[in-house]
Amino acid sequence: MRTKFKFLTAVVAAAGIVGGIGWYQSALADGSSGTPGSSSDPIVTKSYVDQKIAEATKPGGVSGGTSSSSLAVVTVPFGQKIIVQDGGELIVRTGKAIAYSEDANGLSDMTDGVDIAPGKPVGNNHLILFPRGGRGIQADPNSKSDLIVLVRGGYELR
């Protein structure tokens, strides 16, 4: 009986020590949130959020690249090509267009998710991506009409 009493006393003491350590750790964790308004404070004020939003949306905040983020309306005369620079985008609005490339690679049709080979038709109102320069579109020789396109990025008419 004495052995059981000693064993039970040891178990209760061990449980008390483990419980005390756990309580002490949780008390420390609750008190480490920092002083209000400091960088370690997890709660932010509305003025802080407004300031960060204003900094992020300030014009000229992101630099790099020379292409414009706006769309330009361009008329491509029959018999000419529009060559779009690297990373440019184009949407054919009116007319029948075919893909043009100086090499065997085509254009990326983002609307249908397909690759358009050189000489193949380009759909109207489809977003076309030009991953590399030297590629463009031209009017279909059978249509005999000009093209009206929207272009984002640098381009040239040839």
N, C-alpha and C. Protein backbone atom coordinates (compact mmCIF):
# COMPACT_ATOMS: atom_id res chain seq x y z
N MET A 1 0.81 -1.18 0.00
CA MET A 1 0.00 0.00 0.00
C MET A 1 0.86 1.26 0.00
N ARG A 2 1.96 1.21 0.75
CA ARG A 2 2.86 2.34 0.79
C ARG A 2 3.47 2.59 -0.59
N THR A 3 3.74 1.57 -1.36
CA THR A 3 4.31 1.71 -2.69
C THR A 3 3.32 2.40 -3.63
N LYS A 4 2.06 2.01 -3.51
CA LYS A 4 1.04 2.64 -4.34
C LYS A 4 0.91 4.12 -3.99
N PHE A 5 0.99 4.44 -2.72
CA PHE A 5 0.89 5.83 -2.28
C PHE A 5 2.05 6.65 -2.82
N LYS A 6 3.27 6.11 -2.77
CA LYS A 6 4.44 6.83 -3.30
C LYS A 6 4.31 7.02 -4.81
N PHE A 7 3.85 5.97 -5.49
CA PHE A 7 3.69 6.06 -6.95
C PHE A 7 2.64 7.11 -7.31
N LEU A 8 1.51 7.10 -6.63
CA LEU A 8 0.44 8.06 -6.89
C LEU A 8 0.91 9.49 -6.59
N THR A 9 1.67 9.67 -5.53
CA THR A 9 2.21 10.98 -5.19
C THR A 9 3.17 11.47 -6.28
N ALA A 10 4.00 10.59 -6.81
CA ALA A 10 4.94 10.96 -7.88
C ALA A 10 4.20 11.35 -9.15
N VAL A 11 3.14 10.62 -9.49
CA VAL A 11 2.35 10.94 -10.69
C VAL A 11 1.67 12.29 -10.54
N VAL A 12 1.08 12.56 -9.37
CA VAL A 12 0.41 13.84 -9.14
C VAL A 12 1.42 14.98 -9.18
N ALA A 13 2.60 14.79 -8.61
CA ALA A 13 3.63 15.82 -8.63
C ALA A 13 4.11 16.10 -10.06
N ALA A 14 4.31 15.04 -10.84
CA ALA A 14 4.74 15.22 -12.23
C ALA A 14 3.68 15.95 -13.04
N ALA A 15 2.41 15.59 -12.83
CA ALA A 15 1.32 16.26 -13.54
C ALA A 15 1.26 17.73 -13.14
N GLY A 16 1.50 18.02 -11.88
CA GLY A 16 1.50 19.42 -11.43
C GLY A 16 2.62 20.22 -12.06
N ILE A 17 3.79 19.61 -12.18
CA ILE A 17 4.93 20.31 -12.79
C ILE A 17 4.66 20.58 -14.27
N VAL A 18 4.17 19.56 -15.00
CA VAL A 18 3.86 19.74 -16.43
C VAL A 18 2.78 20.78 -16.61
N GLY A 19 1.74 20.73 -15.79
CA GLY A 19 0.66 21.73 -15.89
C GLY A 19 1.16 23.12 -15.58
N GLY A 20 2.02 23.25 -14.58
CA GLY A 20 2.57 24.56 -14.23
C GLY A 20 3.41 25.15 -15.34
N ILE A 21 4.22 24.32 -15.97
CA ILE A 21 5.05 24.79 -17.09
C ILE A 21 4.16 25.23 -18.25
N GLY A 22 3.12 24.46 -18.55
CA GLY A 22 2.20 24.83 -19.63
C GLY A 22 1.50 26.14 -19.35
N TRP A 23 1.05 26.33 -18.10
CA TRP A 23 0.38 27.57 -17.74
C TRP A 23 1.34 28.75 -17.86
N TYR A 24 2.57 28.57 -17.44
CA TYR A 24 3.58 29.63 -17.49
C TYR A 24 3.86 30.02 -18.95
N GLN A 25 3.99 29.02 -19.83
CA GLN A 25 4.25 29.31 -21.25
C GLN A 25 3.09 30.06 -21.89
N SER A 26 1.86 29.67 -21.58
CA SER A 26 0.71 30.37 -22.17
C SER A 26 0.61 31.79 -21.64
N ALA A 27 0.98 32.01 -20.39
CA ALA A 27 0.96 33.37 -19.84
C ALA A 27 2.01 34.24 -20.53
N LEU A 28 3.17 33.67 -20.85
CA LEU A 28 4.20 34.42 -21.57
C LEU A 28 3.76 34.74 -22.99
N ALA A 29 3.11 33.79 -23.64
CA ALA A 29 2.68 33.99 -25.03
C ALA A 29 1.63 35.09 -25.12
N ASP A 30 0.74 35.16 -24.13
CA ASP A 30 -0.30 36.19 -24.16
C ASP A 30 0.28 37.58 -23.94
N GLY A 31 1.35 37.70 -23.24
CA GLY A 31 1.91 39.01 -22.93
C GLY A 31 2.93 39.51 -23.93
N SER A 32 3.18 38.78 -25.04
CA SER A 32 4.23 39.18 -25.98
C SER A 32 3.69 39.84 -27.24
N SER A 33 2.51 40.45 -27.18
CA SER A 33 1.93 41.04 -28.38
C SER A 33 2.51 42.41 -28.68
N GLY A 34 3.35 42.94 -27.82
CA GLY A 34 3.98 44.23 -28.09
C GLY A 34 3.12 45.37 -27.61
N THR A 35 3.68 46.55 -27.65
CA THR A 35 2.95 47.72 -27.22
C THR A 35 2.06 48.21 -28.35
N PRO A 36 0.91 48.78 -28.02
CA PRO A 36 0.01 49.24 -29.08
C PRO A 36 0.68 50.29 -29.98
N GLY A 37 0.53 50.11 -31.28
CA GLY A 37 1.08 51.04 -32.25
C GLY A 37 2.48 50.72 -32.70
N SER A 38 3.12 49.73 -32.08
CA SER A 38 4.48 49.37 -32.49
C SER A 38 4.44 48.42 -33.68
N SER A 39 5.60 48.15 -34.25
CA SER A 39 5.65 47.26 -35.41
C SER A 39 5.33 45.83 -35.06
N SER A 40 5.43 45.46 -33.78
CA SER A 40 5.10 44.10 -33.38
C SER A 40 3.63 43.95 -32.97
N ASP A 41 2.87 45.04 -32.99
CA ASP A 41 1.45 44.99 -32.64
C ASP A 41 0.68 44.37 -33.80
N PRO A 42 -0.09 43.31 -33.58
CA PRO A 42 -0.78 42.65 -34.69
C PRO A 42 -1.99 43.42 -35.21
N ILE A 43 -2.46 44.41 -34.49
CA ILE A 43 -3.63 45.17 -34.92
C ILE A 43 -3.14 46.48 -35.53
N VAL A 44 -3.66 46.82 -36.73
CA VAL A 44 -3.26 48.05 -37.40
C VAL A 44 -4.44 49.00 -37.44
N THR A 45 -4.13 50.27 -37.60
CA THR A 45 -5.18 51.28 -37.64
C THR A 45 -5.60 51.54 -39.08
N LYS A 46 -6.76 52.16 -39.24
CA LYS A 46 -7.27 52.48 -40.57
C LYS A 46 -6.34 53.46 -41.28
N SER A 47 -5.77 54.40 -40.56
CA SER A 47 -4.87 55.37 -41.19
C SER A 47 -3.62 54.69 -41.74
N TYR A 48 -3.12 53.67 -41.05
CA TYR A 48 -1.96 52.93 -41.53
C TYR A 48 -2.30 52.20 -42.83
N VAL A 49 -3.45 51.55 -42.85
CA VAL A 49 -3.88 50.82 -44.06
C VAL A 49 -4.08 51.80 -45.21
N ASP A 50 -4.73 52.95 -44.95
CA ASP A 50 -4.93 53.95 -45.99
C ASP A 50 -3.61 54.47 -46.54
N GLN A 51 -2.63 54.65 -45.67
CA GLN A 51 -1.31 55.12 -46.10
C GLN A 51 -0.65 54.09 -47.01
N LYS A 52 -0.70 52.82 -46.66
CA LYS A 52 -0.09 51.77 -47.47
C LYS A 52 -0.80 51.62 -48.81
N ILE A 53 -2.11 51.76 -48.83
CA ILE A 53 -2.86 51.68 -50.09
C ILE A 53 -2.48 52.85 -50.99
N ALA A 54 -2.37 54.05 -50.41
CA ALA A 54 -1.98 55.22 -51.20
C ALA A 54 -0.59 55.05 -51.79
N GLU A 55 0.34 54.47 -51.02
CA GLU A 55 1.69 54.23 -51.54
C GLU A 55 1.68 53.22 -52.67
N ALA A 56 0.85 52.19 -52.55
CA ALA A 56 0.82 51.14 -53.56
C ALA A 56 0.16 51.60 -54.85
N THR A 57 -0.80 52.51 -54.76
CA THR A 57 -1.51 52.95 -55.96
C THR A 57 -0.98 54.26 -56.52
N LYS A 58 0.09 54.78 -55.95
CA LYS A 58 0.67 56.04 -56.43
C LYS A 58 1.21 55.85 -57.85
N PRO A 59 0.90 56.77 -58.78
CA PRO A 59 1.42 56.63 -60.13
C PRO A 59 2.94 56.65 -60.13
N GLY A 60 3.51 55.81 -60.97
CA GLY A 60 4.96 55.75 -61.08
C GLY A 60 5.60 54.92 -60.00
N GLY A 61 4.80 54.22 -59.23
CA GLY A 61 5.34 53.40 -58.16
C GLY A 61 6.13 52.22 -58.67
N VAL A 62 5.73 51.68 -59.81
CA VAL A 62 6.43 50.54 -60.40
C VAL A 62 7.16 51.04 -61.63
N SER A 63 8.45 50.81 -61.70
CA SER A 63 9.21 51.28 -62.84
C SER A 63 9.67 50.10 -63.67
N GLY A 64 10.06 50.37 -64.89
CA GLY A 64 10.55 49.32 -65.76
C GLY A 64 9.64 49.18 -66.96
N GLY A 65 10.24 48.88 -68.11
CA GLY A 65 9.46 48.71 -69.33
C GLY A 65 9.10 50.04 -69.93
N THR A 66 8.92 50.04 -71.23
CA THR A 66 8.58 51.28 -71.90
C THR A 66 7.21 51.21 -72.55
N SER A 67 6.58 50.06 -72.49
CA SER A 67 5.30 49.93 -73.16
C SER A 67 4.19 50.54 -72.32
N SER A 68 3.18 50.99 -72.99
CA SER A 68 2.05 51.61 -72.32
C SER A 68 1.07 50.55 -71.85
N SER A 69 0.35 50.86 -70.78
CA SER A 69 -0.63 49.91 -70.30
C SER A 69 -2.00 50.18 -70.90
N SER A 70 -2.12 51.21 -71.72
CA SER A 70 -3.41 51.52 -72.34
C SER A 70 -3.46 50.93 -73.75
N LEU A 71 -4.68 50.73 -74.21
CA LEU A 71 -4.88 50.19 -75.55
C LEU A 71 -4.91 51.33 -76.57
N ALA A 72 -4.25 51.12 -77.70
CA ALA A 72 -4.25 52.10 -78.78
C ALA A 72 -5.06 51.52 -79.94
N VAL A 73 -5.93 52.34 -80.52
CA VAL A 73 -6.70 51.92 -81.69
C VAL A 73 -5.85 52.23 -82.92
N VAL A 74 -5.57 51.20 -83.72
CA VAL A 74 -4.70 51.34 -84.88
C VAL A 74 -5.41 50.80 -86.11
N THR A 75 -5.35 51.57 -87.20
CA THR A 75 -5.85 51.09 -88.49
C THR A 75 -4.67 50.58 -89.29
N VAL A 76 -4.75 49.32 -89.70
CA VAL A 76 -3.69 48.71 -90.50
C VAL A 76 -4.17 48.70 -91.95
N PRO A 77 -3.55 49.52 -92.82
CA PRO A 77 -3.98 49.56 -94.21
C PRO A 77 -3.77 48.20 -94.90
N PHE A 78 -4.64 47.91 -95.87
CA PHE A 78 -4.51 46.66 -96.62
C PHE A 78 -3.13 46.64 -97.29
N GLY A 79 -2.46 45.52 -97.19
CA GLY A 79 -1.13 45.36 -97.78
C GLY A 79 0.00 45.62 -96.79
N GLN A 80 -0.31 46.14 -95.62
CA GLN A 80 0.72 46.36 -94.61
C GLN A 80 0.53 45.37 -93.46
N LYS A 81 1.60 45.25 -92.66
CA LYS A 81 1.58 44.39 -91.48
C LYS A 81 1.76 45.25 -90.25
N ILE A 82 1.21 44.81 -89.13
CA ILE A 82 1.52 45.43 -87.84
C ILE A 82 2.38 44.43 -87.08
N ILE A 83 3.58 44.87 -86.72
CA ILE A 83 4.53 44.04 -85.99
C ILE A 83 4.54 44.53 -84.54
N VAL A 84 4.24 43.63 -83.62
CA VAL A 84 4.13 43.98 -82.20
C VAL A 84 5.40 43.57 -81.48
N GLN A 85 5.85 44.41 -80.55
CA GLN A 85 7.08 44.13 -79.80
C GLN A 85 6.86 43.02 -78.77
N ASP A 86 7.97 42.59 -78.16
CA ASP A 86 7.93 41.52 -77.15
C ASP A 86 6.91 41.82 -76.06
N GLY A 87 6.08 40.85 -75.75
CA GLY A 87 5.12 40.97 -74.66
C GLY A 87 3.90 41.81 -74.99
N GLY A 88 3.76 42.24 -76.23
CA GLY A 88 2.62 43.05 -76.62
C GLY A 88 1.35 42.22 -76.77
N GLU A 89 0.23 42.92 -76.79
CA GLU A 89 -1.07 42.27 -76.95
C GLU A 89 -1.83 42.97 -78.05
N LEU A 90 -2.72 42.24 -78.70
CA LEU A 90 -3.47 42.79 -79.82
C LEU A 90 -4.85 42.13 -79.86
N ILE A 91 -5.85 42.91 -80.25
CA ILE A 91 -7.20 42.40 -80.46
C ILE A 91 -7.66 42.91 -81.81
N VAL A 92 -8.05 42.01 -82.71
CA VAL A 92 -8.59 42.40 -84.02
C VAL A 92 -10.05 42.78 -83.81
N ARG A 93 -10.41 44.01 -84.15
CA ARG A 93 -11.79 44.47 -83.98
C ARG A 93 -12.59 44.31 -85.27
N THR A 94 -12.05 44.79 -86.40
CA THR A 94 -12.78 44.64 -87.66
C THR A 94 -11.81 44.19 -88.74
N GLY A 95 -12.33 43.48 -89.71
CA GLY A 95 -11.52 42.97 -90.80
C GLY A 95 -11.12 41.53 -90.56
N LYS A 96 -10.58 40.92 -91.62
CA LYS A 96 -10.11 39.54 -91.53
C LYS A 96 -8.59 39.56 -91.53
N ALA A 97 -8.00 38.97 -90.50
CA ALA A 97 -6.55 39.02 -90.33
C ALA A 97 -5.96 37.62 -90.37
N ILE A 98 -4.69 37.57 -90.80
CA ILE A 98 -3.93 36.32 -90.73
C ILE A 98 -2.65 36.59 -89.95
N ALA A 99 -2.12 35.54 -89.33
CA ALA A 99 -0.92 35.66 -88.51
C ALA A 99 0.30 35.81 -89.40
N TYR A 100 1.27 36.59 -88.91
CA TYR A 100 2.53 36.79 -89.61
C TYR A 100 3.67 36.56 -88.63
N SER A 101 4.70 35.85 -89.08
CA SER A 101 5.89 35.65 -88.27
C SER A 101 7.08 35.47 -89.19
N GLU A 102 8.23 36.01 -88.77
CA GLU A 102 9.45 35.85 -89.57
C GLU A 102 10.02 34.45 -89.46
N ASP A 103 9.64 33.72 -88.42
CA ASP A 103 10.10 32.34 -88.26
C ASP A 103 8.88 31.40 -88.26
N ALA A 104 9.08 30.16 -87.89
CA ALA A 104 8.00 29.17 -87.94
C ALA A 104 7.08 29.23 -86.73
N ASN A 105 7.44 30.02 -85.72
CA ASN A 105 6.61 30.10 -84.52
C ASN A 105 5.43 31.01 -84.74
N GLY A 106 4.35 30.74 -84.05
CA GLY A 106 3.13 31.50 -84.25
C GLY A 106 2.82 32.46 -83.12
N LEU A 107 1.54 32.78 -83.02
CA LEU A 107 1.03 33.72 -82.03
C LEU A 107 0.22 32.95 -80.99
N SER A 108 0.12 33.50 -79.80
CA SER A 108 -0.64 32.86 -78.73
C SER A 108 -2.03 33.48 -78.65
N ASP A 109 -3.05 32.68 -78.95
CA ASP A 109 -4.44 33.12 -78.82
C ASP A 109 -4.87 32.83 -77.39
N MET A 110 -4.94 33.86 -76.56
CA MET A 110 -5.26 33.67 -75.15
C MET A 110 -6.74 33.37 -74.94
N THR A 111 -7.60 33.74 -75.89
CA THR A 111 -9.03 33.48 -75.75
C THR A 111 -9.34 32.01 -75.93
N ASP A 112 -8.80 31.40 -76.98
CA ASP A 112 -9.04 29.98 -77.24
C ASP A 112 -7.98 29.08 -76.62
N GLY A 113 -6.86 29.65 -76.23
CA GLY A 113 -5.79 28.85 -75.65
C GLY A 113 -5.06 28.01 -76.68
N VAL A 114 -4.90 28.54 -77.89
CA VAL A 114 -4.22 27.80 -78.96
C VAL A 114 -3.09 28.63 -79.53
N ASP A 115 -2.23 27.98 -80.29
CA ASP A 115 -1.15 28.64 -81.00
C ASP A 115 -1.59 28.83 -82.44
N ILE A 116 -1.48 30.05 -82.95
CA ILE A 116 -1.87 30.35 -84.33
C ILE A 116 -0.61 30.34 -85.18
N ALA A 117 -0.54 29.42 -86.12
CA ALA A 117 0.61 29.31 -87.01
C ALA A 117 0.60 30.45 -88.02
N PRO A 118 1.79 30.83 -88.54
CA PRO A 118 1.84 31.88 -89.56
C PRO A 118 0.98 31.52 -90.77
N GLY A 119 0.22 32.50 -91.26
CA GLY A 119 -0.65 32.30 -92.40
C GLY A 119 -2.04 31.82 -92.04
N LYS A 120 -2.29 31.49 -90.80
CA LYS A 120 -3.61 31.02 -90.37
C LYS A 120 -4.45 32.21 -89.91
N PRO A 121 -5.78 32.10 -89.99
CA PRO A 121 -6.64 33.23 -89.61
C PRO A 121 -6.60 33.53 -88.11
N VAL A 122 -6.74 34.81 -87.79
CA VAL A 122 -6.81 35.29 -86.41
C VAL A 122 -8.25 35.72 -86.16
N GLY A 123 -8.85 35.18 -85.12
CA GLY A 123 -10.25 35.49 -84.82
C GLY A 123 -10.46 36.91 -84.33
N ASN A 124 -11.59 37.49 -84.70
CA ASN A 124 -11.94 38.82 -84.21
C ASN A 124 -12.28 38.73 -82.72
N ASN A 125 -11.98 39.80 -82.00
CA ASN A 125 -12.24 39.92 -80.57
C ASN A 125 -11.52 38.87 -79.73
N HIS A 126 -10.41 38.33 -80.22
CA HIS A 126 -9.58 37.40 -79.47
C HIS A 126 -8.34 38.14 -79.00
N LEU A 127 -7.95 37.89 -77.75
CA LEU A 127 -6.74 38.49 -77.21
C LEU A 127 -5.54 37.67 -77.70
N ILE A 128 -4.66 38.33 -78.44
CA ILE A 128 -3.48 37.68 -79.01
C ILE A 128 -2.24 38.21 -78.29
N LEU A 129 -1.40 37.29 -77.81
CA LEU A 129 -0.18 37.65 -77.09
C LEU A 129 1.01 37.41 -78.00
N PHE A 130 1.96 38.35 -77.98
CA PHE A 130 3.17 38.26 -78.78
C PHE A 130 4.35 38.06 -77.84
N PRO A 131 4.75 36.81 -77.59
CA PRO A 131 5.83 36.56 -76.63
C PRO A 131 7.18 37.08 -77.10
N ARG A 132 7.38 37.18 -78.40
CA ARG A 132 8.64 37.69 -78.96
C ARG A 132 8.33 38.66 -80.08
N GLY A 133 9.29 39.53 -80.36
CA GLY A 133 9.13 40.49 -81.44
C GLY A 133 9.25 39.82 -82.80
N GLY A 134 9.00 40.59 -83.85
CA GLY A 134 9.09 40.06 -85.21
C GLY A 134 7.85 39.32 -85.65
N ARG A 135 6.81 39.37 -84.86
CA ARG A 135 5.56 38.70 -85.19
C ARG A 135 4.45 39.74 -85.24
N GLY A 136 3.43 39.44 -86.02
CA GLY A 136 2.34 40.39 -86.14
C GLY A 136 1.18 39.79 -86.90
N ILE A 137 0.36 40.68 -87.46
CA ILE A 137 -0.76 40.24 -88.29
C ILE A 137 -0.81 41.12 -89.52
N GLN A 138 -1.52 40.64 -90.51
CA GLN A 138 -1.76 41.41 -91.72
C GLN A 138 -3.16 41.08 -92.21
N ALA A 139 -3.68 41.93 -93.08
CA ALA A 139 -5.01 41.69 -93.63
C ALA A 139 -4.99 40.47 -94.53
N ASP A 140 -6.05 39.71 -94.48
CA ASP A 140 -6.19 38.54 -95.35
C ASP A 140 -6.22 39.03 -96.80
N PRO A 141 -5.35 38.47 -97.68
CA PRO A 141 -5.32 38.93 -99.07
C PRO A 141 -6.65 38.77 -99.80
N ASN A 142 -7.50 37.87 -99.36
CA ASN A 142 -8.79 37.66 -100.01
C ASN A 142 -9.83 38.70 -99.58
N SER A 143 -9.60 39.43 -98.50
CA SER A 143 -10.62 40.36 -97.99
C SER A 143 -10.53 41.74 -98.62
N LYS A 144 -9.34 42.19 -98.98
CA LYS A 144 -9.11 43.50 -99.61
C LYS A 144 -9.62 44.67 -98.77
N SER A 145 -9.59 44.53 -97.43
CA SER A 145 -10.05 45.63 -96.57
C SER A 145 -9.02 45.87 -95.47
N ASP A 146 -9.08 47.07 -94.90
CA ASP A 146 -8.19 47.43 -93.80
C ASP A 146 -8.59 46.68 -92.53
N LEU A 147 -7.67 46.70 -91.57
CA LEU A 147 -7.94 46.12 -90.25
C LEU A 147 -7.99 47.24 -89.22
N ILE A 148 -8.84 47.10 -88.25
CA ILE A 148 -8.82 47.97 -87.09
C ILE A 148 -8.54 47.08 -85.90
N VAL A 149 -7.46 47.41 -85.18
CA VAL A 149 -7.02 46.58 -84.06
C VAL A 149 -6.79 47.44 -82.82
N LEU A 150 -6.84 46.81 -81.68
CA LEU A 150 -6.44 47.42 -80.41
C LEU A 150 -5.10 46.82 -80.04
N VAL A 151 -4.13 47.68 -79.71
CA VAL A 151 -2.77 47.20 -79.41
C VAL A 151 -2.35 47.73 -78.05
N ARG A 152 -1.75 46.86 -77.25
CA ARG A 152 -1.12 47.27 -75.99
C ARG A 152 0.35 46.91 -76.12
N GLY A 153 1.22 47.91 -75.98
CA GLY A 153 2.65 47.69 -76.12
C GLY A 153 3.15 48.36 -77.39
N GLY A 154 4.44 48.22 -77.63
CA GLY A 154 5.05 48.84 -78.80
C GLY A 154 4.71 48.08 -80.07
N TYR A 155 4.64 48.81 -81.18
CA TYR A 155 4.33 48.20 -82.47
C TYR A 155 4.86 49.08 -83.58
N GLU A 156 4.91 48.51 -84.79
CA GLU A 156 5.25 49.30 -85.98
C GLU A 156 4.49 48.75 -87.17
N LEU A 157 4.17 49.65 -88.10
CA LEU A 157 3.51 49.25 -89.35
C LEU A 157 4.57 49.12 -90.42
N ARG A 158 4.53 48.02 -91.15
CA ARG A 158 5.48 47.80 -92.26
C ARG A 158 4.71 47.60 -93.54
